[in-house]
Amino acid sequence: MGFSEKGILKTHMMTHTGERPLGCTVCSKTFILNSHLKVHMRSHTGERPFSCPVCSKEFVAKSPLNAHLRAHTGEKPHKCTFCSKCFSSKGGLKIHTRAHTGEKPFKCPFCALEFAARSSLNTHVTVHTGGKPFKCSVCEKEFAYKSEIKKHVRIHGGEKPFRCPVCSKCFKVDKYLKEHVTRTHAEEKPYKCPVCAKDFAGRSILNRHMRGHAGVKPFECPVCSKCFFVKYSLKKHMRIHTGERPFSCAVCAKSFSYKYCLTSHMKTHTQEKAFSCSVCAKEFTWKGDLKKHMRTHTGEKSL
């Protein structure tokens, strides 16, 4: 490879020698180019000078903005020479290509594992360090992974960006939308339970169902040893021990461990009376109150 200027050659050589002469004064991260350091500094200052003209999302540099714009246009100009899969960014293609070449340039400093992407390494390292670098700005809860905090903040904002194309029901997490589609709308259910012959749209749903027959509860609480059929049930149970209350009332800021508790609480603000007596038509906010009231008609005595 030829270089027109000595300075460009010198900069290029640093990619081989590993030399990074420009250091960040905040976190000590080092860079080859001043322009890269300048962009990095914005992660500390919060400056995002490049704004998307479509959705107003802001970016620290022009290149991620250009890549983001392709999400609106659908353009994927970077094509894999191995499998012809296309990508919106050059970096995405570069990481994907390593799946074909087997290249894993990012090595864990604690164990022998290697990774194709730096982000995957950073995620893995938290297993060793126990670090949780991502903190929620609302409740200050900390997370090990960026994807986790991204999902978590939707609890506070009420954001449900994943819409079902069939019934328009919205979900906070992509996984929940996929499960909803398979459970509710999928006509084809090729996975049959060998015990009760019930049919399922997905293998994972069948596997969860089979635990009910086998009595297998693989998800154990590390605090009280209670076991659960599914991971999500354990996650909800853990709130008993941690005291986590992720569901906040938008009216009085009271928080709850479970969504159904928040839904029930909201009725105290809306005065909604969804439960009606079939005998005298009297209405009640709570199902339990209706149940007690019915005894005045039936003569049943509470225990």
C-alpha atoms as a PDB file:
ATOM      1  CA  MET A   1       0.000   0.000   0.000  1.00  0.00           C
ATOM      2  CA  GLY A   2       1.409   3.429  -1.009  1.00  0.00           C
ATOM      3  CA  PHE A   3       1.073   6.669   0.950  1.00  0.00           C
ATOM      4  CA  SER A   4       1.250  10.175  -0.524  1.00  0.00           C
ATOM      5  CA  GLU A   5       2.474  11.876   2.641  1.00  0.00           C
ATOM      6  CA  LYS A   6       4.932  10.898   5.357  1.00  0.00           C
ATOM      7  CA  GLY A   7       2.465  11.886   8.104  1.00  0.00           C
ATOM      8  CA  ILE A   8      -0.205   9.553   6.762  1.00  0.00           C
ATOM      9  CA  LEU A   9       2.297   6.675   6.677  1.00  0.00           C
ATOM     10  CA  LYS A  10       3.348   7.436  10.261  1.00  0.00           C
ATOM     11  CA  THR A  11      -0.272   7.366  11.430  1.00  0.00           C
ATOM     12  CA  HIS A  12      -0.891   4.136   9.530  1.00  0.00           C
ATOM     13  CA  MET A  13       2.133   2.445  11.134  1.00  0.00           C
ATOM     14  CA  MET A  14       0.572   2.962  14.558  1.00  0.00           C
ATOM     15  CA  THR A  15      -2.117   0.452  13.623  1.00  0.00           C
ATOM     16  CA  HIS A  16       0.677  -2.151  13.429  1.00  0.00           C
ATOM     17  CA  THR A  17       2.760  -1.020  16.414  1.00  0.00           C
ATOM     18  CA  GLY A  18      -0.213  -0.475  18.720  1.00  0.00           C
ATOM     19  CA  GLU A  19       1.011   3.004  19.574  1.00  0.00           C
ATOM     20  CA  ARG A  20      -1.772   5.358  20.767  1.00  0.00           C
ATOM     21  CA  PRO A  21      -0.178   8.667  21.727  1.00  0.00           C
ATOM     22  CA  LEU A  22      -3.362  10.639  22.492  1.00  0.00           C
ATOM     23  CA  GLY A  23      -4.871   9.959  25.924  1.00  0.00           C
ATOM     24  CA  CYS A  24      -8.272  10.893  27.346  1.00  0.00           C
ATOM     25  CA  THR A  25      -7.862  13.054  30.467  1.00  0.00           C
ATOM     26  CA  VAL A  26     -11.020  11.602  32.022  1.00  0.00           C
ATOM     27  CA  CYS A  27     -10.777   7.823  31.600  1.00  0.00           C
ATOM     28  CA  SER A  28      -7.233   7.309  30.246  1.00  0.00           C
ATOM     29  CA  LYS A  29      -8.458   5.646  27.052  1.00  0.00           C
ATOM     30  CA  THR A  30      -5.947   6.231  24.229  1.00  0.00           C
ATOM     31  CA  PHE A  31      -6.274   7.014  20.519  1.00  0.00           C
ATOM     32  CA  ILE A  32      -4.191   7.322  17.360  1.00  0.00           C
ATOM     33  CA  LEU A  33      -6.018  10.293  15.857  1.00  0.00           C
ATOM     34  CA  ASN A  34      -6.993  13.584  17.460  1.00  0.00           C
ATOM     35  CA  SER A  35     -10.363  13.426  15.684  1.00  0.00           C
ATOM     36  CA  HIS A  36     -11.108  10.098  17.411  1.00  0.00           C
ATOM     37  CA  LEU A  37     -10.190  11.556  20.803  1.00  0.00           C
ATOM     38  CA  LYS A  38     -12.435  14.540  20.123  1.00  0.00           C
ATOM     39  CA  VAL A  39     -15.410  12.281  19.367  1.00  0.00           C
ATOM     40  CA  HIS A  40     -14.649  10.138  22.435  1.00  0.00           C
ATOM     41  CA  MET A  41     -14.627  13.197  24.730  1.00  0.00           C
ATOM     42  CA  ARG A  42     -18.270  13.770  23.861  1.00  0.00           C
ATOM     43  CA  SER A  43     -19.114  10.553  25.738  1.00  0.00           C
ATOM     44  CA  HIS A  44     -17.977  12.386  28.875  1.00  0.00           C
ATOM     45  CA  THR A  45     -19.403  15.828  28.106  1.00  0.00           C
ATOM     46  CA  GLY A  46     -22.709  14.530  26.753  1.00  0.00           C
ATOM     47  CA  GLU A  47     -22.334  16.662  23.632  1.00  0.00           C
ATOM     48  CA  ARG A  48     -24.211  15.260  20.607  1.00  0.00           C
ATOM     49  CA  PRO A  49     -23.896  17.801  17.795  1.00  0.00           C
ATOM     50  CA  PHE A  50     -25.273  15.635  14.968  1.00  0.00           C
ATOM     51  CA  SER A  51     -29.070  15.318  14.848  1.00  0.00           C
ATOM     52  CA  CYS A  52     -31.242  13.021  12.707  1.00  0.00           C
ATOM     53  CA  PRO A  53     -33.561  15.121  10.484  1.00  0.00           C
ATOM     54  CA  VAL A  54     -36.214  12.383  10.600  1.00  0.00           C
ATOM     55  CA  CYS A  55     -36.552  11.456  14.298  1.00  0.00           C
ATOM     56  CA  SER A  56     -34.291  14.069  15.976  1.00  0.00           C
ATOM     57  CA  LYS A  57     -32.099  11.421  17.610  1.00  0.00           C
ATOM     58  CA  GLU A  58     -28.671  12.880  18.367  1.00  0.00           C
ATOM     59  CA  PHE A  59     -25.191  11.448  17.806  1.00  0.00           C
ATOM     60  CA  VAL A  60     -21.617  12.216  18.855  1.00  0.00           C
ATOM     61  CA  ALA A  61     -20.258  11.884  15.308  1.00  0.00           C
ATOM     62  CA  LYS A  62     -21.427  12.130  11.704  1.00  0.00           C
ATOM     63  CA  SER A  63     -20.620   8.505  10.811  1.00  0.00           C
ATOM     64  CA  PRO A  64     -23.070   6.933  13.332  1.00  0.00           C
ATOM     65  CA  LEU A  65     -25.701   9.459  12.169  1.00  0.00           C
ATOM     66  CA  ASN A  66     -25.183   8.326   8.551  1.00  0.00           C
ATOM     67  CA  ALA A  67     -25.510   4.685   9.636  1.00  0.00           C
ATOM     68  CA  HIS A  68     -28.645   5.546  11.641  1.00  0.00           C
ATOM     69  CA  LEU A  69     -30.270   7.307   8.653  1.00  0.00           C
ATOM     70  CA  ARG A  70     -30.192   3.989   6.819  1.00  0.00           C
ATOM     71  CA  ALA A  71     -32.636   2.656   9.431  1.00  0.00           C
ATOM     72  CA  HIS A  72     -35.135   5.129   7.971  1.00  0.00           C
ATOM     73  CA  THR A  73     -34.241   4.578   4.310  1.00  0.00           C
ATOM     74  CA  GLY A  74     -33.688   0.817   4.569  1.00  0.00           C
ATOM     75  CA  GLU A  75     -30.436   1.164   2.657  1.00  0.00           C
ATOM     76  CA  LYS A  76     -27.864  -1.600   3.252  1.00  0.00           C
ATOM     77  CA  PRO A  77     -24.896  -0.819   0.983  1.00  0.00           C
ATOM     78  CA  HIS A  78     -22.342  -3.125   2.617  1.00  0.00           C
ATOM     79  CA  LYS A  79     -22.549  -6.668   1.202  1.00  0.00           C
ATOM     80  CA  CYS A  80     -20.849  -9.770   2.582  1.00  0.00           C
ATOM     81  CA  THR A  81     -18.667 -11.462  -0.045  1.00  0.00           C
ATOM     82  CA  PHE A  82     -19.248 -14.872   1.565  1.00  0.00           C
ATOM     83  CA  CYS A  83     -23.032 -15.074   1.910  1.00  0.00           C
ATOM     84  CA  SER A  84     -24.328 -11.878   0.228  1.00  0.00           C
ATOM     85  CA  LYS A  85     -25.997 -10.658   3.434  1.00  0.00           C
ATOM     86  CA  CYS A  86     -26.176  -6.859   3.483  1.00  0.00           C
ATOM     87  CA  PHE A  87     -25.550  -4.371   6.278  1.00  0.00           C
ATOM     88  CA  SER A  88     -26.284  -0.706   6.861  1.00  0.00           C
ATOM     89  CA  SER A  89     -22.844  -0.029   8.352  1.00  0.00           C
ATOM     90  CA  LYS A  90     -19.292  -1.009   7.443  1.00  0.00           C
ATOM     91  CA  GLY A  91     -18.622  -1.971  11.062  1.00  0.00           C
ATOM     92  CA  GLY A  92     -21.591  -4.361  11.074  1.00  0.00           C
ATOM     93  CA  LEU A  93     -20.269  -6.062   7.947  1.00  0.00           C
ATOM     94  CA  LYS A  94     -16.764  -6.289   9.449  1.00  0.00           C
ATOM     95  CA  ILE A  95     -18.041  -8.060  12.576  1.00  0.00           C
ATOM     96  CA  HIS A  96     -20.282 -10.358  10.499  1.00  0.00           C
ATOM     97  CA  THR A  97     -17.391 -11.354   8.197  1.00  0.00           C
ATOM     98  CA  ARG A  98     -15.561 -12.764  11.221  1.00  0.00           C
ATOM     99  CA  ALA A  99     -18.324 -15.382  11.511  1.00  0.00           C
ATOM    100  CA  HIS A 100     -17.023 -16.744   8.185  1.00  0.00           C
ATOM    101  CA  THR A 101     -13.307 -16.279   8.784  1.00  0.00           C
ATOM    102  CA  GLY A 102     -13.351 -17.394  12.417  1.00  0.00           C
ATOM    103  CA  GLU A 103     -11.342 -14.329  13.425  1.00  0.00           C
ATOM    104  CA  LYS A 104     -11.757 -13.354  17.083  1.00  0.00           C
ATOM    105  CA  PRO A 105      -9.360 -10.483  17.780  1.00  0.00           C
ATOM    106  CA  PHE A 106     -10.720  -9.478  21.176  1.00  0.00           C
ATOM    107  CA  LYS A 107      -9.267 -11.615  23.996  1.00  0.00           C
ATOM    108  CA  CYS A 108     -10.563 -11.695  27.567  1.00  0.00           C
ATOM    109  CA  PRO A 109      -7.832 -10.591  30.022  1.00  0.00           C
ATOM    110  CA  PHE A 110      -9.237 -12.943  32.683  1.00  0.00           C
ATOM    111  CA  CYS A 111      -9.835 -16.197  30.786  1.00  0.00           C
ATOM    112  CA  ALA A 112      -9.060 -17.829  27.443  1.00  0.00           C
ATOM    113  CA  LEU A 113     -12.243 -16.768  25.658  1.00  0.00           C
ATOM    114  CA  GLU A 114     -12.010 -14.712  22.458  1.00  0.00           C
ATOM    115  CA  PHE A 115     -14.635 -12.590  20.714  1.00  0.00           C
ATOM    116  CA  ALA A 116     -15.353 -11.266  17.247  1.00  0.00           C
ATOM    117  CA  ALA A 117     -16.652  -7.906  18.532  1.00  0.00           C
ATOM    118  CA  ARG A 118     -15.320  -5.578  21.231  1.00  0.00           C
ATOM    119  CA  SER A 119     -18.829  -5.037  22.555  1.00  0.00           C
ATOM    120  CA  SER A 120     -19.155  -8.807  23.137  1.00  0.00           C
ATOM    121  CA  LEU A 121     -15.869  -8.791  25.053  1.00  0.00           C
ATOM    122  CA  ASN A 122     -16.948  -5.832  27.177  1.00  0.00           C
ATOM    123  CA  THR A 123     -20.184  -7.633  28.024  1.00  0.00           C
ATOM    124  CA  HIS A 124     -18.304 -10.830  28.895  1.00  0.00           C
ATOM    125  CA  VAL A 125     -15.747  -9.070  31.142  1.00  0.00           C
ATOM    126  CA  THR A 126     -18.526  -8.055  33.561  1.00  0.00           C
ATOM    127  CA  VAL A 127     -18.890 -11.785  34.378  1.00  0.00           C
ATOM    128  CA  HIS A 128     -15.416 -11.610  35.937  1.00  0.00           C
ATOM    129  CA  THR A 129     -15.530  -8.109  37.415  1.00  0.00           C
ATOM    130  CA  GLY A 130     -19.146  -8.043  38.553  1.00  0.00           C
ATOM    131  CA  GLY A 131     -19.207  -4.509  37.195  1.00  0.00           C
ATOM    132  CA  LYS A 132     -22.476  -2.749  36.376  1.00  0.00           C
ATOM    133  CA  PRO A 133     -21.413   0.345  34.428  1.00  0.00           C
ATOM    134  CA  PHE A 134     -24.881   1.323  33.173  1.00  0.00           C
ATOM    135  CA  LYS A 135     -26.940   3.307  35.698  1.00  0.00           C
ATOM    136  CA  CYS A 136     -30.590   4.327  35.273  1.00  0.00           C
ATOM    137  CA  SER A 137     -30.911   8.117  35.533  1.00  0.00           C
ATOM    138  CA  VAL A 138     -34.400   7.782  37.068  1.00  0.00           C
ATOM    139  CA  CYS A 139     -34.045   5.178  39.828  1.00  0.00           C
ATOM    140  CA  GLU A 140     -30.237   4.732  39.806  1.00  0.00           C
ATOM    141  CA  LYS A 141     -30.515   0.961  39.346  1.00  0.00           C
ATOM    142  CA  GLU A 142     -27.318  -0.418  37.788  1.00  0.00           C
ATOM    143  CA  PHE A 143     -26.946  -2.892  34.951  1.00  0.00           C
ATOM    144  CA  ALA A 144     -24.107  -4.944  33.518  1.00  0.00           C
ATOM    145  CA  TYR A 145     -25.318  -4.648  29.939  1.00  0.00           C
ATOM    146  CA  LYS A 146     -26.427  -1.717  27.815  1.00  0.00           C
ATOM    147  CA  SER A 147     -29.291  -3.774  26.367  1.00  0.00           C
ATOM    148  CA  GLU A 148     -30.654  -4.331  29.889  1.00  0.00           C
ATOM    149  CA  ILE A 149     -30.785  -0.645  30.797  1.00  0.00           C
ATOM    150  CA  LYS A 150     -32.342   0.115  27.418  1.00  0.00           C
ATOM    151  CA  LYS A 151     -35.205  -2.254  28.242  1.00  0.00           C
ATOM    152  CA  HIS A 152     -35.401  -1.042  31.851  1.00  0.00           C
ATOM    153  CA  VAL A 153     -35.903   2.672  31.067  1.00  0.00           C
ATOM    154  CA  ARG A 154     -39.076   1.785  29.173  1.00  0.00           C
ATOM    155  CA  ILE A 155     -40.629   0.964  32.566  1.00  0.00           C
ATOM    156  CA  HIS A 156     -40.301   4.600  33.571  1.00  0.00           C
ATOM    157  CA  GLY A 157     -41.252   6.106  30.234  1.00  0.00           C
ATOM    158  CA  GLY A 158     -44.045   3.675  29.355  1.00  0.00           C
ATOM    159  CA  GLU A 159     -42.464   3.254  25.917  1.00  0.00           C
ATOM    160  CA  LYS A 160     -43.652   0.239  23.923  1.00  0.00           C
ATOM    161  CA  PRO A 161     -41.877   0.471  20.567  1.00  0.00           C
ATOM    162  CA  PHE A 162     -42.610  -3.045  19.313  1.00  0.00           C
ATOM    163  CA  ARG A 163     -46.040  -3.234  17.658  1.00  0.00           C
ATOM    164  CA  CYS A 164     -47.796  -6.440  16.615  1.00  0.00           C
ATOM    165  CA  PRO A 165     -48.508  -6.285  12.852  1.00  0.00           C
ATOM    166  CA  VAL A 166     -51.699  -8.323  13.330  1.00  0.00           C
ATOM    167  CA  CYS A 167     -53.555  -6.753  16.290  1.00  0.00           C
ATOM    168  CA  SER A 168     -51.438  -3.599  16.932  1.00  0.00           C
ATOM    169  CA  LYS A 169     -50.759  -4.564  20.553  1.00  0.00           C
ATOM    170  CA  CYS A 170     -47.484  -2.961  21.698  1.00  0.00           C
ATOM    171  CA  PHE A 171     -44.613  -4.384  23.751  1.00  0.00           C
ATOM    172  CA  LYS A 172     -41.582  -3.000  25.568  1.00  0.00           C
ATOM    173  CA  VAL A 173     -39.269  -5.803  24.450  1.00  0.00           C
ATOM    174  CA  ASP A 174     -38.859  -7.403  21.017  1.00  0.00           C
ATOM    175  CA  LYS A 175     -38.811 -10.879  22.592  1.00  0.00           C
ATOM    176  CA  TYR A 176     -42.284 -10.359  24.105  1.00  0.00           C
ATOM    177  CA  LEU A 177     -43.661  -9.341  20.705  1.00  0.00           C
ATOM    178  CA  LYS A 178     -42.240 -12.486  19.082  1.00  0.00           C
ATOM    179  CA  GLU A 179     -43.717 -14.669  21.827  1.00  0.00           C
ATOM    180  CA  HIS A 180     -47.075 -12.906  21.470  1.00  0.00           C
ATOM    181  CA  VAL A 181     -47.176 -13.476  17.704  1.00  0.00           C
ATOM    182  CA  THR A 182     -46.296 -17.155  18.026  1.00  0.00           C
ATOM    183  CA  ARG A 183     -48.771 -17.784  20.863  1.00  0.00           C
ATOM    184  CA  THR A 184     -51.683 -15.705  19.623  1.00  0.00           C
ATOM    185  CA  HIS A 185     -51.571 -15.381  15.854  1.00  0.00           C
ATOM    186  CA  ALA A 186     -49.544 -18.299  14.515  1.00  0.00           C
ATOM    187  CA  GLU A 187     -51.889 -20.687  12.722  1.00  0.00           C
ATOM    188  CA  GLU A 188     -49.254 -23.360  12.274  1.00  0.00           C
ATOM    189  CA  LYS A 189     -48.458 -25.225  15.501  1.00  0.00           C
ATOM    190  CA  PRO A 190     -46.054 -28.007  14.532  1.00  0.00           C
ATOM    191  CA  TYR A 191     -44.826 -28.890  18.041  1.00  0.00           C
ATOM    192  CA  LYS A 192     -47.049 -31.427  19.787  1.00  0.00           C
ATOM    193  CA  CYS A 193     -46.834 -32.380  23.461  1.00  0.00           C
ATOM    194  CA  PRO A 194     -46.281 -36.175  23.688  1.00  0.00           C
ATOM    195  CA  VAL A 195     -48.146 -36.276  27.008  1.00  0.00           C
ATOM    196  CA  CYS A 196     -51.382 -34.331  26.441  1.00  0.00           C
ATOM    197  CA  ALA A 197     -51.226 -33.811  22.631  1.00  0.00           C
ATOM    198  CA  LYS A 198     -51.528 -30.025  22.944  1.00  0.00           C
ATOM    199  CA  ASP A 199     -50.006 -28.187  19.974  1.00  0.00           C
ATOM    200  CA  PHE A 200     -47.564 -25.273  20.137  1.00  0.00           C
ATOM    201  CA  ALA A 201     -46.212 -22.761  17.640  1.00  0.00           C
ATOM    202  CA  GLY A 202     -42.645 -22.783  19.000  1.00  0.00           C
ATOM    203  CA  ARG A 203     -40.277 -25.386  20.419  1.00  0.00           C
ATOM    204  CA  SER A 204     -39.340 -23.166  23.375  1.00  0.00           C
ATOM    205  CA  ILE A 205     -43.029 -22.850  24.328  1.00  0.00           C
ATOM    206  CA  LEU A 206     -43.400 -26.643  24.163  1.00  0.00           C
ATOM    207  CA  ASN A 207     -40.282 -27.081  26.334  1.00  0.00           C
ATOM    208  CA  ARG A 208     -41.741 -24.771  29.000  1.00  0.00           C
ATOM    209  CA  HIS A 209     -45.035 -26.658  28.818  1.00  0.00           C
ATOM    210  CA  MET A 210     -43.273 -30.018  29.259  1.00  0.00           C
ATOM    211  CA  ARG A 211     -41.807 -28.869  32.576  1.00  0.00           C
ATOM    212  CA  GLY A 212     -45.351 -28.816  33.912  1.00  0.00           C
ATOM    213  CA  HIS A 213     -45.736 -32.534  33.182  1.00  0.00           C
ATOM    214  CA  ALA A 214     -42.274 -33.455  34.425  1.00  0.00           C
ATOM    215  CA  GLY A 215     -42.429 -31.242  37.498  1.00  0.00           C
ATOM    216  CA  VAL A 216     -39.044 -29.791  36.521  1.00  0.00           C
ATOM    217  CA  LYS A 217     -38.366 -26.347  37.936  1.00  0.00           C
ATOM    218  CA  PRO A 218     -34.854 -25.459  36.735  1.00  0.00           C
ATOM    219  CA  PHE A 219     -34.811 -21.842  37.905  1.00  0.00           C
ATOM    220  CA  GLU A 220     -33.861 -21.682  41.587  1.00  0.00           C
ATOM    221  CA  CYS A 221     -33.874 -18.596  43.788  1.00  0.00           C
ATOM    222  CA  PRO A 222     -30.346 -18.074  45.198  1.00  0.00           C
ATOM    223  CA  VAL A 223     -31.815 -16.581  48.399  1.00  0.00           C
ATOM    224  CA  CYS A 224     -34.598 -18.931  49.512  1.00  0.00           C
ATOM    225  CA  SER A 225     -34.111 -21.874  47.085  1.00  0.00           C
ATOM    226  CA  LYS A 226     -37.680 -21.676  45.767  1.00  0.00           C
ATOM    227  CA  CYS A 227     -37.825 -23.087  42.227  1.00  0.00           C
ATOM    228  CA  PHE A 228     -39.742 -22.009  39.138  1.00  0.00           C
ATOM    229  CA  PHE A 229     -40.745 -23.404  35.749  1.00  0.00           C
ATOM    230  CA  VAL A 230     -39.723 -20.287  33.810  1.00  0.00           C
ATOM    231  CA  LYS A 231     -36.955 -17.707  34.224  1.00  0.00           C
ATOM    232  CA  TYR A 232     -39.368 -14.775  34.183  1.00  0.00           C
ATOM    233  CA  SER A 233     -41.209 -16.140  37.236  1.00  0.00           C
ATOM    234  CA  LEU A 234     -37.907 -16.280  39.128  1.00  0.00           C
ATOM    235  CA  LYS A 235     -37.151 -12.713  38.031  1.00  0.00           C
ATOM    236  CA  LYS A 236     -40.473 -11.491  39.459  1.00  0.00           C
ATOM    237  CA  HIS A 237     -39.954 -13.517  42.635  1.00  0.00           C
ATOM    238  CA  MET A 238     -36.535 -11.949  43.246  1.00  0.00           C
ATOM    239  CA  ARG A 239     -38.238  -8.596  43.837  1.00  0.00           C
ATOM    240  CA  ILE A 240     -39.432  -9.975  47.179  1.00  0.00           C
ATOM    241  CA  HIS A 241     -35.805 -10.193  48.281  1.00  0.00           C
ATOM    242  CA  THR A 242     -34.380  -7.131  46.524  1.00  0.00           C
ATOM    243  CA  GLY A 243     -37.266  -4.796  47.249  1.00  0.00           C
ATOM    244  CA  GLU A 244     -37.238  -3.677  43.616  1.00  0.00           C
ATOM    245  CA  ARG A 245     -40.388  -1.805  42.586  1.00  0.00           C
ATOM    246  CA  PRO A 246     -40.039  -1.060  38.866  1.00  0.00           C
ATOM    247  CA  PHE A 247     -43.662  -0.053  38.223  1.00  0.00           C
ATOM    248  CA  SER A 248     -44.329   3.563  39.217  1.00  0.00           C
ATOM    249  CA  CYS A 249     -47.652   5.390  39.353  1.00  0.00           C
ATOM    250  CA  ALA A 250     -47.631   8.414  37.044  1.00  0.00           C
ATOM    251  CA  VAL A 251     -50.040  10.260  39.364  1.00  0.00           C
ATOM    252  CA  CYS A 252     -48.619   9.867  42.886  1.00  0.00           C
ATOM    253  CA  ALA A 253     -45.214   8.249  42.185  1.00  0.00           C
ATOM    254  CA  LYS A 254     -46.011   5.252  44.393  1.00  0.00           C
ATOM    255  CA  SER A 255     -44.111   2.210  43.127  1.00  0.00           C
ATOM    256  CA  PHE A 256     -44.966  -1.477  42.930  1.00  0.00           C
ATOM    257  CA  SER A 257     -43.162  -4.780  42.440  1.00  0.00           C
ATOM    258  CA  TYR A 258     -45.696  -6.121  39.961  1.00  0.00           C
ATOM    259  CA  LYS A 259     -47.584  -4.590  37.058  1.00  0.00           C
ATOM    260  CA  TYR A 260     -50.957  -5.955  38.168  1.00  0.00           C
ATOM    261  CA  CYS A 261     -50.511  -4.157  41.508  1.00  0.00           C
ATOM    262  CA  LEU A 262     -49.952  -0.872  39.662  1.00  0.00           C
ATOM    263  CA  THR A 263     -52.983  -1.531  37.432  1.00  0.00           C
ATOM    264  CA  SER A 264     -55.085  -2.176  40.521  1.00  0.00           C
ATOM    265  CA  HIS A 265     -53.713   0.917  42.284  1.00  0.00           C
ATOM    266  CA  MET A 266     -54.525   3.187  39.322  1.00  0.00           C
ATOM    267  CA  LYS A 267     -58.227   2.590  39.973  1.00  0.00           C
ATOM    268  CA  THR A 268     -57.903   4.637  43.164  1.00  0.00           C
ATOM    269  CA  HIS A 269     -57.117   7.622  40.926  1.00  0.00           C
ATOM    270  CA  THR A 270     -59.521   6.929  38.053  1.00  0.00           C
ATOM    271  CA  GLN A 271     -62.399   5.783  40.323  1.00  0.00           C
ATOM    272  CA  GLU A 272     -63.052   3.072  37.751  1.00  0.00           C
ATOM    273  CA  LYS A 273     -65.619   0.513  38.932  1.00  0.00           C
ATOM    274  CA  ALA A 274     -65.240  -2.432  36.606  1.00  0.00           C
ATOM    275  CA  PHE A 275     -67.036  -5.044  38.766  1.00  0.00           C
ATOM    276  CA  SER A 276     -70.819  -4.945  38.770  1.00  0.00           C
ATOM    277  CA  CYS A 277     -73.274  -6.968  40.875  1.00  0.00           C
ATOM    278  CA  SER A 278     -75.475  -9.167  38.671  1.00  0.00           C
ATOM    279  CA  VAL A 279     -78.353  -8.902  41.168  1.00  0.00           C
ATOM    280  CA  CYS A 280     -78.614  -5.193  42.089  1.00  0.00           C
ATOM    281  CA  ALA A 281     -76.169  -3.629  39.586  1.00  0.00           C
ATOM    282  CA  LYS A 282     -74.101  -1.978  42.329  1.00  0.00           C
ATOM    283  CA  GLU A 283     -70.586  -1.317  41.100  1.00  0.00           C
ATOM    284  CA  PHE A 284     -67.237  -1.932  42.787  1.00  0.00           C
ATOM    285  CA  THR A 285     -63.611  -1.001  42.153  1.00  0.00           C
ATOM    286  CA  TRP A 286     -62.234  -4.299  43.451  1.00  0.00           C
ATOM    287  CA  LYS A 287     -63.260  -7.862  42.629  1.00  0.00           C
ATOM    288  CA  GLY A 288     -62.839  -8.797  46.319  1.00  0.00           C
ATOM    289  CA  ASP A 289     -65.384  -6.149  47.362  1.00  0.00           C
ATOM    290  CA  LEU A 290     -67.900  -7.490  44.828  1.00  0.00           C
ATOM    291  CA  LYS A 291     -67.350 -11.012  46.188  1.00  0.00           C
ATOM    292  CA  LYS A 292     -68.076  -9.836  49.746  1.00  0.00           C
ATOM    293  CA  HIS A 293     -71.144  -7.915  48.564  1.00  0.00           C
ATOM    294  CA  MET A 294     -72.581 -10.980  46.794  1.00  0.00           C
ATOM    295  CA  ARG A 295     -72.849 -12.685  50.163  1.00  0.00           C
ATOM    296  CA  THR A 296     -75.573 -10.203  51.131  1.00  0.00           C
ATOM    297  CA  HIS A 297     -77.671 -11.741  48.355  1.00  0.00           C
ATOM    298  CA  THR A 298     -76.688 -15.378  48.771  1.00  0.00           C
ATOM    299  CA  GLY A 299     -76.630 -15.413  52.573  1.00  0.00           C
ATOM    300  CA  GLU A 300     -73.232 -17.100  52.493  1.00  0.00           C
ATOM    301  CA  LYS A 301     -71.140 -16.435  55.577  1.00  0.00           C
ATOM    302  CA  SER A 302     -67.432 -15.681  55.260  1.00  0.00           C
ATOM    303  CA  LEU A 303     -65.013 -17.991  57.035  1.00  0.00           C
END
